[in-house]
Amino acid sequence: MTEPQKPQSTDLRNPGITKKVGVKRTRTSPVKVFLRTVYWLITLSILAIVLYISFEAGWMIYKNTAH
């Protein structure tokens, strides 16, 4: 049989002592939030316009070929 391993130096540490780590809180800039919102509004509006134009073009083609 093998002997039990001797405790390592890391095992001898006192577990009751904890290191306090400060978390740096970053505030989100209102300008960045505004720009991000404007970006998404413009992107979604462009998408809506493209879909609307595509629908209108398809509807016009369908109406003209149905006669």
Protein backbone atom coordinates (compact mmCIF):
# COMPACT_ATOMS: atom_id res chain seq x y z
CA MET A 1 0.00 0.00 0.00
CA THR A 2 1.11 3.53 -0.65
CA GLU A 3 1.39 6.13 2.03
CA PRO A 4 -1.11 9.02 1.98
CA GLN A 5 0.28 12.07 0.25
CA LYS A 6 1.69 14.82 2.37
CA PRO A 7 -0.39 18.01 2.28
CA GLN A 8 0.87 20.53 -0.21
CA SER A 9 1.63 24.12 0.73
CA THR A 10 -1.61 25.23 -0.93
CA ASP A 11 -3.59 22.82 1.25
CA LEU A 12 -2.19 24.36 4.43
CA ARG A 13 -3.69 27.77 3.75
CA ASN A 14 -6.35 29.02 6.12
CA PRO A 15 -9.62 28.87 4.19
CA GLY A 16 -11.15 31.53 6.44
CA ILE A 17 -9.01 34.28 4.97
CA THR A 18 -10.53 35.62 1.81
CA LYS A 19 -9.13 38.17 -0.56
CA LYS A 20 -11.49 41.01 -1.32
CA VAL A 21 -11.55 41.74 -5.02
CA GLY A 22 -13.07 45.04 -6.03
CA VAL A 23 -15.27 44.98 -9.09
CA LYS A 24 -14.97 48.13 -11.13
CA ARG A 25 -18.44 49.29 -12.09
CA THR A 26 -18.63 50.93 -15.45
CA ARG A 27 -21.45 53.35 -16.08
CA THR A 28 -23.03 53.18 -19.48
CA SER A 29 -22.85 56.49 -21.21
CA PRO A 30 -26.23 58.02 -22.11
CA VAL A 31 -24.78 59.09 -25.45
CA LYS A 32 -23.86 55.49 -26.30
CA VAL A 33 -27.32 54.27 -25.31
CA PHE A 34 -28.91 56.99 -27.46
CA LEU A 35 -26.72 56.18 -30.46
CA ARG A 36 -27.41 52.46 -30.10
CA THR A 37 -31.17 53.14 -29.98
CA VAL A 38 -31.00 55.41 -33.05
CA TYR A 39 -28.97 52.77 -34.89
CA TRP A 40 -31.58 50.09 -34.26
CA LEU A 41 -34.46 52.42 -35.13
CA ILE A 42 -32.83 53.34 -38.45
CA THR A 43 -31.99 49.70 -39.21
CA LEU A 44 -35.53 48.52 -38.50
CA SER A 45 -37.10 51.37 -40.44
CA ILE A 46 -34.93 50.64 -43.50
CA LEU A 47 -35.91 46.97 -43.26
CA ALA A 48 -39.59 47.92 -43.02
CA ILE A 49 -39.30 50.23 -46.05
CA VAL A 50 -37.61 47.53 -48.14
CA LEU A 51 -40.27 44.99 -47.19
CA TYR A 52 -43.07 47.46 -47.97
CA ILE A 53 -41.63 48.35 -51.38
CA SER A 54 -41.13 44.66 -52.19
CA PHE A 55 -44.70 43.87 -51.18
CA GLU A 56 -46.11 46.75 -53.24
CA ALA A 57 -44.06 45.76 -56.29
CA GLY A 58 -45.15 42.14 -56.00
CA TRP A 59 -48.79 43.16 -55.54
CA MET A 60 -48.65 45.43 -58.58
CA ILE A 61 -47.13 42.66 -60.71
CA TYR A 62 -49.76 40.21 -59.47
CA LYS A 63 -52.63 42.60 -60.23
CA ASN A 64 -51.36 43.38 -63.74
CA THR A 65 -50.79 39.75 -64.73
CA ALA A 66 -54.10 38.50 -63.34
CA HIS A 67 -56.16 40.26 -66.05
